[in-house]
């Protein structure tokens, strides 16, 4: 193995070990290409049909996502917000209080953020 490849391999191994030690999970994502590539190869018309279904979905996660959209739009009542907090706890989401400036608000409301995902509206 040439020295450049050896150095690169050691650096990659170091970075992988460091990321794992800091709690990161490895993820492999698909390569992204221009649509012309898929049209040229003949795959574009069949692209959607050949996608894999989600491997894991959680009903509570879908509820939390819907409630967050309603909360951001100011259409979430106090009882719904309590249910949102309970579902978020099941998923391990973080809850913090934020200042609410919408009409008819009490001044403070909860902000739910998923682990590793920042909710910029909060």
PDB file of N, CA and C in Angstrom:
ATOM      1  N   UNK A   1       0.853  -1.167   0.000  1.00  0.00           N
ATOM      2  CA  UNK A   1       0.000   0.000   0.000  1.00  0.00           C
ATOM      3  C   UNK A   1       0.908   1.242   0.000  1.00  0.00           C
ATOM      4  N   UNK A   2       0.701   2.162  -0.941  1.00  0.00           N
ATOM      5  CA  UNK A   2       1.518   3.386  -0.943  1.00  0.00           C
ATOM      6  C   UNK A   2       1.324   4.163   0.358  1.00  0.00           C
ATOM      7  N   UNK A   3       2.335   4.969   0.716  1.00  0.00           N
ATOM      8  CA  UNK A   3       2.295   5.680   2.000  1.00  0.00           C
ATOM      9  C   UNK A   3       1.096   6.623   2.113  1.00  0.00           C
ATOM     10  N   UNK A   4       0.710   7.267   1.029  1.00  0.00           N
ATOM     11  CA  UNK A   4      -0.446   8.168   1.076  1.00  0.00           C
ATOM     12  C   UNK A   4      -1.717   7.429   1.462  1.00  0.00           C
ATOM     13  N   UNK A   5      -1.906   6.244   0.897  1.00  0.00           N
ATOM     14  CA  UNK A   5      -3.088   5.443   1.221  1.00  0.00           C
ATOM     15  C   UNK A   5      -3.024   4.950   2.656  1.00  0.00           C
ATOM     16  N   UNK A   6      -1.820   4.634   3.124  1.00  0.00           N
ATOM     17  CA  UNK A   6      -1.648   4.166   4.500  1.00  0.00           C
ATOM     18  C   UNK A   6      -1.970   5.278   5.496  1.00  0.00           C
ATOM     19  N   UNK A   7      -1.480   6.476   5.216  1.00  0.00           N
ATOM     20  CA  UNK A   7      -1.758   7.622   6.097  1.00  0.00           C
ATOM     21  C   UNK A   7      -3.256   7.920   6.099  1.00  0.00           C
ATOM     22  N   UNK A   8      -3.867   7.907   4.913  1.00  0.00           N
ATOM     23  CA  UNK A   8      -5.309   8.168   4.827  1.00  0.00           C
ATOM     24  C   UNK A   8      -6.095   7.138   5.631  1.00  0.00           C
ATOM     25  N   UNK A   9      -5.728   5.873   5.507  1.00  0.00           N
ATOM     26  CA  UNK A   9      -6.417   4.811   6.229  1.00  0.00           C
ATOM     27  C   UNK A   9      -6.311   5.006   7.736  1.00  0.00           C
ATOM     28  N   UNK A  10      -5.130   5.370   8.210  1.00  0.00           N
ATOM     29  CA  UNK A  10      -4.954   5.595   9.656  1.00  0.00           C
ATOM     30  C   UNK A  10      -5.772   6.789  10.138  1.00  0.00           C
ATOM     31  N   UNK A  11      -5.800   7.856   9.330  1.00  0.00           N
ATOM     32  CA  UNK A  11      -6.608   9.024   9.698  1.00  0.00           C
ATOM     33  C   UNK A  11      -8.097   8.665   9.737  1.00  0.00           C
ATOM     34  N   UNK A  12      -8.560   7.913   8.745  1.00  0.00           N
ATOM     35  CA  UNK A  12      -9.965   7.504   8.728  1.00  0.00           C
ATOM     36  C   UNK A  12     -10.301   6.647   9.945  1.00  0.00           C
ATOM     37  N   UNK A  13      -9.403   5.721  10.285  1.00  0.00           N
ATOM     38  CA  UNK A  13      -9.622   4.870  11.463  1.00  0.00           C
ATOM     39  C   UNK A  13      -9.678   5.701  12.740  1.00  0.00           C
ATOM     40  N   UNK A  14      -8.775   6.692  12.849  1.00  0.00           N
ATOM     41  CA  UNK A  14      -8.752   7.563  14.027  1.00  0.00           C
ATOM     42  C   UNK A  14     -10.061   8.346  14.136  1.00  0.00           C
ATOM     43  N   UNK A  15     -10.498   8.929  13.010  1.00  0.00           N
ATOM     44  CA  UNK A  15     -11.718   9.740  13.022  1.00  0.00           C
ATOM     45  C   UNK A  15     -12.932   8.875  13.371  1.00  0.00           C
ATOM     46  N   UNK A  16     -13.021   7.681  12.783  1.00  0.00           N
ATOM     47  CA  UNK A  16     -14.139   6.784  13.094  1.00  0.00           C
ATOM     48  C   UNK A  16     -14.170   6.444  14.582  1.00  0.00           C
ATOM     49  N   UNK A  17     -13.001   6.104  15.135  1.00  0.00           N
ATOM     50  CA  UNK A  17     -12.934   5.750  16.562  1.00  0.00           C
ATOM     51  C   UNK A  17     -13.317   6.943  17.435  1.00  0.00           C
ATOM     52  N   UNK A  18     -12.861   8.130  17.065  1.00  0.00           N
ATOM     53  CA  UNK A  18     -13.163   9.336  17.843  1.00  0.00           C
ATOM     54  C   UNK A  18     -14.659   9.651  17.803  1.00  0.00           C
ATOM     55  N   UNK A  19     -15.264   9.547  16.631  1.00  0.00           N
ATOM     56  CA  UNK A  19     -16.698   9.819  16.512  1.00  0.00           C
ATOM     57  C   UNK A  19     -17.523   8.817  17.318  1.00  0.00           C
ATOM     58  N   UNK A  20     -17.144   7.547  17.263  1.00  0.00           N
ATOM     59  CA  UNK A  20     -17.849   6.534  18.055  1.00  0.00           C
ATOM     60  C   UNK A  20     -17.701   6.812  19.548  1.00  0.00           C
ATOM     61  N   UNK A  21     -16.496   7.223  19.969  1.00  0.00           N
ATOM     62  CA  UNK A  21     -16.256   7.522  21.383  1.00  0.00           C
ATOM     63  C   UNK A  21     -17.099   8.707  21.851  1.00  0.00           C
ATOM     64  N   UNK A  22     -17.433   9.614  20.934  1.00  0.00           N
ATOM     65  CA  UNK A  22     -18.232  10.791  21.286  1.00  0.00           C
ATOM     66  C   UNK A  22     -19.730  10.560  21.103  1.00  0.00           C
ATOM     67  N   UNK A  23     -20.109   9.320  20.797  1.00  0.00           N
ATOM     68  CA  UNK A  23     -21.529   8.984  20.743  1.00  0.00           C
ATOM     69  C   UNK A  23     -22.191   9.091  19.385  1.00  0.00           C
ATOM     70  N   UNK A  24     -21.424   9.349  18.332  1.00  0.00           N
ATOM     71  CA  UNK A  24     -22.018   9.433  17.001  1.00  0.00           C
ATOM     72  C   UNK A  24     -22.253   8.034  16.447  1.00  0.00           C
ATOM     73  N   UNK A  25     -23.305   7.879  15.659  1.00  0.00           N
ATOM     74  CA  UNK A  25     -23.603   6.611  15.003  1.00  0.00           C
ATOM     75  C   UNK A  25     -23.220   6.716  13.533  1.00  0.00           C
ATOM     76  N   UNK A  26     -22.562   5.696  12.991  1.00  0.00           N
ATOM     77  CA  UNK A  26     -22.222   5.742  11.562  1.00  0.00           C
ATOM     78  C   UNK A  26     -23.483   5.646  10.704  1.00  0.00           C
ATOM     79  N   UNK A  27     -23.496   6.397   9.624  1.00  0.00           N
ATOM     80  CA  UNK A  27     -24.623   6.413   8.702  1.00  0.00           C
ATOM     81  C   UNK A  27     -24.075   6.357   7.276  1.00  0.00           C
ATOM     82  N   UNK A  28     -24.659   5.528   6.457  1.00  0.00           N
ATOM     83  CA  UNK A  28     -24.318   5.489   5.042  1.00  0.00           C
ATOM     84  C   UNK A  28     -25.494   6.055   4.271  1.00  0.00           C
ATOM     85  N   UNK A  29     -25.241   7.072   3.483  1.00  0.00           N
ATOM     86  CA  UNK A  29     -26.310   7.687   2.709  1.00  0.00           C
ATOM     87  C   UNK A  29     -26.061   7.428   1.222  1.00  0.00           C
ATOM     88  N   UNK A  30     -27.114   7.477   0.430  1.00  0.00           N
ATOM     89  CA  UNK A  30     -26.944   7.208  -1.002  1.00  0.00           C
ATOM     90  C   UNK A  30     -26.179   8.339  -1.681  1.00  0.00           C
ATOM     91  N   UNK A  31     -25.549   8.004  -2.779  1.00  0.00           N
ATOM     92  CA  UNK A  31     -24.887   9.030  -3.577  1.00  0.00           C
ATOM     93  C   UNK A  31     -25.958   9.863  -4.263  1.00  0.00           C
ATOM     94  N   UNK A  32     -25.702  11.144  -4.377  1.00  0.00           N
ATOM     95  CA  UNK A  32     -26.652  12.037  -5.017  1.00  0.00           C
ATOM     96  C   UNK A  32     -26.077  12.426  -6.369  1.00  0.00           C
ATOM     97  N   UNK A  33     -26.861  12.291  -7.408  1.00  0.00           N
ATOM     98  CA  UNK A  33     -26.416  12.651  -8.751  1.00  0.00           C
ATOM     99  C   UNK A  33     -27.458  13.491  -9.451  1.00  0.00           C
ATOM    100  N   UNK A  34     -27.062  14.016 -10.573  1.00  0.00           N
ATOM    101  CA  UNK A  34     -27.992  14.821 -11.368  1.00  0.00           C
ATOM    102  C   UNK A  34     -29.060  13.924 -11.994  1.00  0.00           C
ATOM    103  N   UNK A  35     -30.229  14.487 -12.213  1.00  0.00           N
ATOM    104  CA  UNK A  35     -31.334  13.733 -12.796  1.00  0.00           C
ATOM    105  C   UNK A  35     -30.963  13.229 -14.190  1.00  0.00           C
ATOM    106  N   UNK A  36     -30.104  13.967 -14.900  1.00  0.00           N
ATOM    107  CA  UNK A  36     -29.697  13.551 -16.248  1.00  0.00           C
ATOM    108  C   UNK A  36     -29.023  12.180 -16.229  1.00  0.00           C
ATOM    109  N   UNK A  37     -28.283  11.891 -15.172  1.00  0.00           N
ATOM    110  CA  UNK A  37     -27.628  10.594 -15.046  1.00  0.00           C
ATOM    111  C   UNK A  37     -28.662   9.471 -15.024  1.00  0.00           C
ATOM    112  N   UNK A  38     -29.737   9.672 -14.274  1.00  0.00           N
ATOM    113  CA  UNK A  38     -30.783   8.659 -14.167  1.00  0.00           C
ATOM    114  C   UNK A  38     -31.605   8.569 -15.454  1.00  0.00           C
ATOM    115  N   UNK A  39     -31.764   9.707 -16.139  1.00  0.00           N
ATOM    116  CA  UNK A  39     -32.468   9.686 -17.426  1.00  0.00           C
ATOM    117  C   UNK A  39     -31.642   8.942 -18.474  1.00  0.00           C
ATOM    118  N   UNK A  40     -30.332   9.220 -18.511  1.00  0.00           N
ATOM    119  CA  UNK A  40     -29.438   8.561 -19.468  1.00  0.00           C
ATOM    120  C   UNK A  40     -29.397   7.057 -19.245  1.00  0.00           C
ATOM    121  N   UNK A  41     -29.357   6.647 -17.987  1.00  0.00           N
ATOM    122  CA  UNK A  41     -29.268   5.217 -17.680  1.00  0.00           C
ATOM    123  C   UNK A  41     -30.611   4.506 -17.817  1.00  0.00           C
ATOM    124  N   UNK A  42     -31.702   5.281 -17.927  1.00  0.00           N
ATOM    125  CA  UNK A  42     -33.023   4.679 -18.055  1.00  0.00           C
ATOM    126  C   UNK A  42     -33.688   4.362 -16.722  1.00  0.00           C
ATOM    127  N   UNK A  43     -33.084   4.764 -15.614  1.00  0.00           N
ATOM    128  CA  UNK A  43     -33.627   4.445 -14.291  1.00  0.00           C
ATOM    129  C   UNK A  43     -34.639   5.475 -13.773  1.00  0.00           C
ATOM    130  N   UNK A  44     -34.626   6.677 -14.327  1.00  0.00           N
ATOM    131  CA  UNK A  44     -35.443   7.753 -13.762  1.00  0.00           C
ATOM    132  C   UNK A  44     -36.938   7.421 -13.684  1.00  0.00           C
ATOM    133  N   UNK A  45     -37.557   6.852 -14.741  1.00  0.00           N
ATOM    134  CA  UNK A  45     -39.003   6.575 -14.637  1.00  0.00           C
ATOM    135  C   UNK A  45     -39.352   5.581 -13.529  1.00  0.00           C
ATOM    136  N   UNK A  46     -38.382   4.788 -13.094  1.00  0.00           N
ATOM    137  CA  UNK A  46     -38.646   3.743 -12.101  1.00  0.00           C
ATOM    138  C   UNK A  46     -38.063   4.077 -10.731  1.00  0.00           C
ATOM    139  N   UNK A  47     -37.510   5.277 -10.597  1.00  0.00           N
ATOM    140  CA  UNK A  47     -36.784   5.640  -9.382  1.00  0.00           C
ATOM    141  C   UNK A  47     -37.662   5.540  -8.138  1.00  0.00           C
ATOM    142  N   UNK A  48     -38.830   6.148  -8.153  1.00  0.00           N
ATOM    143  CA  UNK A  48     -39.715   6.148  -6.981  1.00  0.00           C
ATOM    144  C   UNK A  48     -40.143   4.728  -6.604  1.00  0.00           C
ATOM    145  N   UNK A  49     -40.459   3.912  -7.599  1.00  0.00           N
ATOM    146  CA  UNK A  49     -40.932   2.552  -7.333  1.00  0.00           C
ATOM    147  C   UNK A  49     -39.860   1.652  -6.741  1.00  0.00           C
ATOM    148  N   UNK A  50     -38.584   1.997  -6.968  1.00  0.00           N
ATOM    149  CA  UNK A  50     -37.509   1.120  -6.496  1.00  0.00           C
ATOM    150  C   UNK A  50     -36.952   1.541  -5.138  1.00  0.00           C
ATOM    151  N   UNK A  51     -37.547   2.539  -4.513  1.00  0.00           N
ATOM    152  CA  UNK A  51     -37.071   2.985  -3.206  1.00  0.00           C
ATOM    153  C   UNK A  51     -37.534   2.027  -2.119  1.00  0.00           C
ATOM    154  N   UNK A  52     -36.709   1.902  -1.100  1.00  0.00           N
ATOM    155  CA  UNK A  52     -37.065   1.068   0.038  1.00  0.00           C
ATOM    156  C   UNK A  52     -38.027   1.818   0.948  1.00  0.00           C
ATOM    157  N   UNK A  53     -38.938   1.095   1.529  1.00  0.00           N
ATOM    158  CA  UNK A  53     -39.833   1.689   2.532  1.00  0.00           C
ATOM    159  C   UNK A  53     -39.018   1.991   3.787  1.00  0.00           C
ATOM    160  N   UNK A  54     -39.457   2.931   4.630  1.00  0.00           N
ATOM    161  CA  UNK A  54     -38.724   3.204   5.875  1.00  0.00           C
ATOM    162  C   UNK A  54     -38.582   1.928   6.697  1.00  0.00           C
ATOM    163  N   UNK A  55     -37.396   1.735   7.242  1.00  0.00           N
ATOM    164  CA  UNK A  55     -37.147   0.534   8.025  1.00  0.00           C
ATOM    165  C   UNK A  55     -37.740   0.644   9.417  1.00  0.00           C
ATOM    166  N   UNK A  56     -37.871   1.874   9.942  1.00  0.00           N
ATOM    167  CA  UNK A  56     -38.383   2.045  11.295  1.00  0.00           C
ATOM    168  C   UNK A  56     -39.231   3.303  11.344  1.00  0.00           C
ATOM    169  N   UNK A  57     -40.445   3.152  11.773  1.00  0.00           N
ATOM    170  CA  UNK A  57     -41.286   4.316  12.048  1.00  0.00           C
ATOM    171  C   UNK A  57     -41.955   4.066  13.384  1.00  0.00           C
ATOM    172  N   UNK A  58     -42.178   5.114  14.089  1.00  0.00           N
ATOM    173  CA  UNK A  58     -42.787   5.014  15.409  1.00  0.00           C
ATOM    174  C   UNK A  58     -44.012   5.913  15.408  1.00  0.00           C
ATOM    175  N   UNK A  59     -45.148   5.384  15.820  1.00  0.00           N
ATOM    176  CA  UNK A  59     -46.380   6.166  15.831  1.00  0.00           C
ATOM    177  C   UNK A  59     -46.232   7.438  16.651  1.00  0.00           C
ATOM    178  N   UNK A  60     -45.533   7.350  17.777  1.00  0.00           N
ATOM    179  CA  UNK A  60     -45.345   8.535  18.620  1.00  0.00           C
ATOM    180  C   UNK A  60     -44.539   9.594  17.878  1.00  0.00           C
ATOM    181  N   UNK A  61     -43.579   9.177  17.075  1.00  0.00           N
ATOM    182  CA  UNK A  61     -42.776  10.128  16.303  1.00  0.00           C
ATOM    183  C   UNK A  61     -43.618  10.886  15.299  1.00  0.00           C
ATOM    184  N   UNK A  62     -44.535  10.198  14.636  1.00  0.00           N
ATOM    185  CA  UNK A  62     -45.422  10.859  13.692  1.00  0.00           C
ATOM    186  C   UNK A  62     -46.358  11.825  14.411  1.00  0.00           C
ATOM    187  N   UNK A  63     -46.832  11.446  15.600  1.00  0.00           N
ATOM    188  CA  UNK A  63     -47.681  12.344  16.389  1.00  0.00           C
ATOM    189  C   UNK A  63     -46.920  13.598  16.794  1.00  0.00           C
ATOM    190  N   UNK A  64     -45.689  13.404  17.271  1.00  0.00           N
ATOM    191  CA  UNK A  64     -44.881  14.548  17.702  1.00  0.00           C
ATOM    192  C   UNK A  64     -44.644  15.495  16.534  1.00  0.00           C
ATOM    193  N   UNK A  65     -44.305  14.966  15.358  1.00  0.00           N
ATOM    194  CA  UNK A  65     -44.080  15.825  14.196  1.00  0.00           C
ATOM    195  C   UNK A  65     -45.326  16.640  13.852  1.00  0.00           C
ATOM    196  N   UNK A  66     -46.490  15.996  13.881  1.00  0.00           N
ATOM    197  CA  UNK A  66     -47.730  16.710  13.590  1.00  0.00           C
ATOM    198  C   UNK A  66     -48.041  17.775  14.628  1.00  0.00           C
ATOM    199  N   UNK A  67     -47.826  17.429  15.898  1.00  0.00           N
ATOM    200  CA  UNK A  67     -48.099  18.395  16.971  1.00  0.00           C
ATOM    201  C   UNK A  67     -47.123  19.564  16.931  1.00  0.00           C
ATOM    202  N   UNK A  68     -45.882  19.299  16.575  1.00  0.00           N
ATOM    203  CA  UNK A  68     -44.907  20.393  16.479  1.00  0.00           C
ATOM    204  C   UNK A  68     -45.358  21.381  15.414  1.00  0.00           C
ATOM    205  N   UNK A  69     -45.828  20.883  14.274  1.00  0.00           N
ATOM    206  CA  UNK A  69     -46.320  21.787  13.228  1.00  0.00           C
ATOM    207  C   UNK A  69     -47.507  22.601  13.741  1.00  0.00           C
ATOM    208  N   UNK A  70     -48.420  21.962  14.492  1.00  0.00           N
ATOM    209  CA  UNK A  70     -49.562  22.689  15.051  1.00  0.00           C
ATOM    210  C   UNK A  70     -49.110  23.686  16.111  1.00  0.00           C
ATOM    211  N   UNK A  71     -48.129  23.310  16.929  1.00  0.00           N
ATOM    212  CA  UNK A  71     -47.614  24.191  17.971  1.00  0.00           C
ATOM    213  C   UNK A  71     -46.977  25.427  17.349  1.00  0.00           C
ATOM    214  N   UNK A  72     -46.202  25.231  16.295  1.00  0.00           N
ATOM    215  CA  UNK A  72     -45.563  26.358  15.616  1.00  0.00           C
ATOM    216  C   UNK A  72     -46.594  27.280  14.981  1.00  0.00           C
ATOM    217  N   UNK A  73     -47.706  26.713  14.530  1.00  0.00           N
ATOM    218  CA  UNK A  73     -48.763  27.515  13.926  1.00  0.00           C
ATOM    219  C   UNK A  73     -49.719  28.115  14.940  1.00  0.00           C
ATOM    220  N   UNK A  74     -49.502  27.845  16.227  1.00  0.00           N
ATOM    221  CA  UNK A  74     -50.357  28.393  17.272  1.00  0.00           C
ATOM    222  C   UNK A  74     -51.698  27.684  17.395  1.00  0.00           C
ATOM    223  N   UNK A  75     -51.834  26.481  16.829  1.00  0.00           N
ATOM    224  CA  UNK A  75     -53.116  25.778  16.833  1.00  0.00           C
ATOM    225  C   UNK A  75     -53.124  24.590  17.784  1.00  0.00           C
ATOM    226  N   UNK A  76     -52.302  24.630  18.814  1.00  0.00           N
ATOM    227  CA  UNK A  76     -52.217  23.505  19.743  1.00  0.00           C
ATOM    228  C   UNK A  76     -52.707  23.950  21.113  1.00  0.00           C
ATOM    229  N   UNK A  77     -53.754  23.293  21.608  1.00  0.00           N
ATOM    230  CA  UNK A  77     -54.305  23.627  22.912  1.00  0.00           C
ATOM    231  C   UNK A  77     -53.474  23.046  24.041  1.00  0.00           C
ATOM    232  N   UNK A  78     -53.816  23.421  25.273  1.00  0.00           N
ATOM    233  CA  UNK A  78     -53.051  22.980  26.439  1.00  0.00           C
ATOM    234  C   UNK A  78     -53.104  21.464  26.615  1.00  0.00           C
ATOM    235  N   UNK A  79     -54.273  20.859  26.405  1.00  0.00           N
ATOM    236  CA  UNK A  79     -54.399  19.406  26.547  1.00  0.00           C
ATOM    237  C   UNK A  79     -53.553  18.689  25.485  1.00  0.00           C
ATOM    238  N   UNK A  80     -53.589  19.202  24.243  1.00  0.00           N
ATOM    239  CA  UNK A  80     -52.771  18.620  23.180  1.00  0.00           C
ATOM    240  C   UNK A  80     -51.285  18.783  23.483  1.00  0.00           C
ATOM    241  N   UNK A  81     -50.921  19.923  24.068  1.00  0.00           N
ATOM    242  CA  UNK A  81     -49.515  20.155  24.399  1.00  0.00           C
ATOM    243  C   UNK A  81     -49.040  19.163  25.461  1.00  0.00           C
ATOM    244  N   UNK A  82     -49.905  18.839  26.420  1.00  0.00           N
ATOM    245  CA  UNK A  82     -49.537  17.841  27.430  1.00  0.00           C
ATOM    246  C   UNK A  82     -49.349  16.468  26.793  1.00  0.00           C
ATOM    247  N   UNK A  83     -50.217  16.121  25.841  1.00  0.00           N
ATOM    248  CA  UNK A  83     -50.071  14.844  25.127  1.00  0.00           C
ATOM    249  C   UNK A  83     -48.795  14.844  24.298  1.00  0.00           C
ATOM    250  N   UNK A  84     -48.462  15.993  23.707  1.00  0.00           N
ATOM    251  CA  UNK A  84     -47.218  16.125  22.947  1.00  0.00           C
ATOM    252  C   UNK A  84     -46.015  15.868  23.839  1.00  0.00           C
ATOM    253  N   UNK A  85     -46.024  16.447  25.019  1.00  0.00           N
ATOM    254  CA  UNK A  85     -44.905  16.262  25.947  1.00  0.00           C
ATOM    255  C   UNK A  85     -44.770  14.802  26.366  1.00  0.00           C
ATOM    256  N   UNK A  86     -45.896  14.123  26.575  1.00  0.00           N
ATOM    257  CA  UNK A  86     -45.851  12.707  26.950  1.00  0.00           C
ATOM    258  C   UNK A  86     -45.280  11.861  25.814  1.00  0.00           C
ATOM    259  N   UNK A  87     -45.714  12.137  24.583  1.00  0.00           N
ATOM    260  CA  UNK A  87     -45.194  11.390  23.433  1.00  0.00           C
ATOM    261  C   UNK A  87     -43.720  11.699  23.211  1.00  0.00           C
ATOM    262  N   UNK A  88     -43.329  12.949  23.412  1.00  0.00           N
ATOM    263  CA  UNK A  88     -41.925  13.323  23.244  1.00  0.00           C
ATOM    264  C   UNK A  88     -41.048  12.609  24.260  1.00  0.00           C
ATOM    265  N   UNK A  89     -41.563  12.423  25.469  1.00  0.00           N
ATOM    266  CA  UNK A  89     -40.798  11.712  26.501  1.00  0.00           C
ATOM    267  C   UNK A  89     -40.557  10.264  26.086  1.00  0.00           C
ATOM    268  N   UNK A  90     -41.549   9.641  25.436  1.00  0.00           N
ATOM    269  CA  UNK A  90     -41.394   8.269  24.950  1.00  0.00           C
ATOM    270  C   UNK A  90     -40.247   8.193  23.941  1.00  0.00           C
ATOM    271  N   UNK A  91     -40.120   9.232  23.108  1.00  0.00           N
ATOM    272  CA  UNK A  91     -39.095   9.248  22.065  1.00  0.00           C
ATOM    273  C   UNK A  91     -37.754   9.769  22.556  1.00  0.00           C
ATOM    274  N   UNK A  92     -37.689  10.262  23.783  1.00  0.00           N
ATOM    275  CA  UNK A  92     -36.436  10.798  24.301  1.00  0.00           C
ATOM    276  C   UNK A  92     -36.126  12.193  23.789  1.00  0.00           C
ATOM    277  N   UNK A  93     -37.156  12.946  23.413  1.00  0.00           N
ATOM    278  CA  UNK A  93     -36.947  14.315  22.940  1.00  0.00           C
ATOM    279  C   UNK A  93     -36.727  15.244  24.127  1.00  0.00           C
ATOM    280  N   UNK A  94     -36.140  16.367  23.834  1.00  0.00           N
ATOM    281  CA  UNK A  94     -35.833  17.358  24.859  1.00  0.00           C
ATOM    282  C   UNK A  94     -36.974  18.375  24.920  1.00  0.00           C
ATOM    283  N   UNK A  95     -37.328  18.802  26.113  1.00  0.00           N
ATOM    284  CA  UNK A  95     -38.392  19.792  26.278  1.00  0.00           C
ATOM    285  C   UNK A  95     -37.815  20.986  27.003  1.00  0.00           C
ATOM    286  N   UNK A  96     -38.088  22.190  26.476  1.00  0.00           N
ATOM    287  CA  UNK A  96     -37.655  23.406  27.143  1.00  0.00           C
ATOM    288  C   UNK A  96     -38.732  24.473  26.968  1.00  0.00           C
ATOM    289  N   UNK A  97     -38.784  25.409  27.882  1.00  0.00           N
ATOM    290  CA  UNK A  97     -39.781  26.476  27.810  1.00  0.00           C
ATOM    291  C   UNK A  97     -39.245  27.607  26.948  1.00  0.00           C
ATOM    292  N   UNK A  98     -40.123  28.190  26.138  1.00  0.00           N
ATOM    293  CA  UNK A  98     -39.741  29.339  25.330  1.00  0.00           C
ATOM    294  C   UNK A  98     -40.803  30.414  25.482  1.00  0.00           C
ATOM    295  N   UNK A  99     -40.428  31.628  25.191  1.00  0.00           N
ATOM    296  CA  UNK A  99     -41.346  32.749  25.258  1.00  0.00           C
ATOM    297  C   UNK A  99     -42.258  32.701  24.048  1.00  0.00           C
ATOM    298  N   UNK A 100     -43.551  32.724  24.260  1.00  0.00           N
ATOM    299  CA  UNK A 100     -44.516  32.686  23.168  1.00  0.00           C
ATOM    300  C   UNK A 100     -45.094  34.075  22.986  1.00  0.00           C
ATOM    301  N   UNK A 101     -45.127  34.543  21.746  1.00  0.00           N
ATOM    302  CA  UNK A 101     -45.619  35.890  21.490  1.00  0.00           C
ATOM    303  C   UNK A 101     -46.922  35.892  20.702  1.00  0.00           C
ATOM    304  N   UNK A 102     -47.494  34.717  20.482  1.00  0.00           N
ATOM    305  CA  UNK A 102     -48.726  34.623  19.693  1.00  0.00           C
ATOM    306  C   UNK A 102     -49.927  35.161  20.443  1.00  0.00           C
ATOM    307  N   UNK A 103     -50.989  35.510  19.709  1.00  0.00           N
ATOM    308  CA  UNK A 103     -52.201  36.013  20.360  1.00  0.00           C
ATOM    309  C   UNK A 103     -52.865  34.925  21.192  1.00  0.00           C
ATOM    310  N   UNK A 104     -53.345  35.296  22.357  1.00  0.00           N
ATOM    311  CA  UNK A 104     -54.050  34.357  23.219  1.00  0.00           C
ATOM    312  C   UNK A 104     -53.152  33.362  23.921  1.00  0.00           C
ATOM    313  N   UNK A 105     -51.855  33.650  23.998  1.00  0.00           N
ATOM    314  CA  UNK A 105     -50.942  32.724  24.672  1.00  0.00           C
ATOM    315  C   UNK A 105     -50.702  33.189  26.088  1.00  0.00           C
ATOM    316  N   UNK A 106     -50.248  32.277  26.927  1.00  0.00           N
ATOM    317  CA  UNK A 106     -49.986  32.603  28.326  1.00  0.00           C
ATOM    318  C   UNK A 106     -48.607  33.227  28.510  1.00  0.00           C
ATOM    319  N   UNK A 107     -47.840  33.337  27.458  1.00  0.00           N
ATOM    320  CA  UNK A 107     -46.509  33.927  27.562  1.00  0.00           C
ATOM    321  C   UNK A 107     -45.390  32.909  27.459  1.00  0.00           C
ATOM    322  N   UNK A 108     -45.633  31.685  27.885  1.00  0.00           N
ATOM    323  CA  UNK A 108     -44.608  30.638  27.804  1.00  0.00           C
ATOM    324  C   UNK A 108     -45.224  29.395  27.201  1.00  0.00           C
ATOM    325  N   UNK A 109     -44.456  28.667  26.448  1.00  0.00           N
ATOM    326  CA  UNK A 109     -44.907  27.393  25.909  1.00  0.00           C
ATOM    327  C   UNK A 109     -43.717  26.458  25.809  1.00  0.00           C
ATOM    328  N   UNK A 110     -43.995  25.210  25.584  1.00  0.00           N
ATOM    329  CA  UNK A 110     -42.935  24.217  25.470  1.00  0.00           C
ATOM    330  C   UNK A 110     -42.388  24.203  24.058  1.00  0.00           C
ATOM    331  N   UNK A 111     -41.146  23.849  23.955  1.00  0.00           N
ATOM    332  CA  UNK A 111     -40.532  23.629  22.658  1.00  0.00           C
ATOM    333  C   UNK A 111     -39.936  22.235  22.691  1.00  0.00           C
ATOM    334  N   UNK A 112     -40.339  21.398  21.781  1.00  0.00           N
ATOM    335  CA  UNK A 112     -39.842  20.031  21.724  1.00  0.00           C
ATOM    336  C   UNK A 112     -38.811  19.960  20.615  1.00  0.00           C
ATOM    337  N   UNK A 113     -37.635  19.466  20.931  1.00  0.00           N
ATOM    338  CA  UNK A 113     -36.616  19.259  19.912  1.00  0.00           C
ATOM    339  C   UNK A 113     -36.194  17.815  19.958  1.00  0.00           C
ATOM    340  N   UNK A 114     -36.083  17.201  18.812  1.00  0.00           N
ATOM    341  CA  UNK A 114     -35.633  15.818  18.736  1.00  0.00           C
ATOM    342  C   UNK A 114     -34.160  15.723  19.055  1.00  0.00           C
ATOM    343  N   UNK A 115     -33.710  14.557  19.461  1.00  0.00           N
ATOM    344  CA  UNK A 115     -32.301  14.391  19.773  1.00  0.00           C
ATOM    345  C   UNK A 115     -31.493  14.597  18.508  1.00  0.00           C
ATOM    346  N   UNK A 116     -30.528  15.505  18.567  1.00  0.00           N
ATOM    347  CA  UNK A 116     -29.674  15.780  17.438  1.00  0.00           C
ATOM    348  C   UNK A 116     -30.292  16.712  16.409  1.00  0.00           C
ATOM    349  N   UNK A 117     -31.544  17.154  16.617  1.00  0.00           N
ATOM    350  CA  UNK A 117     -32.199  18.019  15.644  1.00  0.00           C
ATOM    351  C   UNK A 117     -32.618  19.303  16.336  1.00  0.00           C
ATOM    352  N   UNK A 118     -32.137  20.431  15.862  1.00  0.00           N
ATOM    353  CA  UNK A 118     -32.490  21.710  16.461  1.00  0.00           C
ATOM    354  C   UNK A 118     -33.737  22.244  15.782  1.00  0.00           C
ATOM    355  N   UNK A 119     -34.675  22.702  16.592  1.00  0.00           N
ATOM    356  CA  UNK A 119     -35.891  23.302  16.073  1.00  0.00           C
ATOM    357  C   UNK A 119     -35.664  24.808  16.047  1.00  0.00           C
ATOM    358  N   UNK A 120     -35.307  25.351  14.873  1.00  0.00           N
ATOM    359  CA  UNK A 120     -34.912  26.747  14.767  1.00  0.00           C
ATOM    360  C   UNK A 120     -36.038  27.719  15.062  1.00  0.00           C
ATOM    361  N   UNK A 121     -37.279  27.284  14.978  1.00  0.00           N
ATOM    362  CA  UNK A 121     -38.376  28.195  15.279  1.00  0.00           C
ATOM    363  C   UNK A 121     -38.487  28.455  16.773  1.00  0.00           C
ATOM    364  N   UNK A 122     -37.781  27.668  17.557  1.00  0.00           N
ATOM    365  CA  UNK A 122     -37.854  27.827  19.001  1.00  0.00           C
ATOM    366  C   UNK A 122     -36.721  28.677  19.443  1.00  0.00           C
TER     367      UNK A 122
END
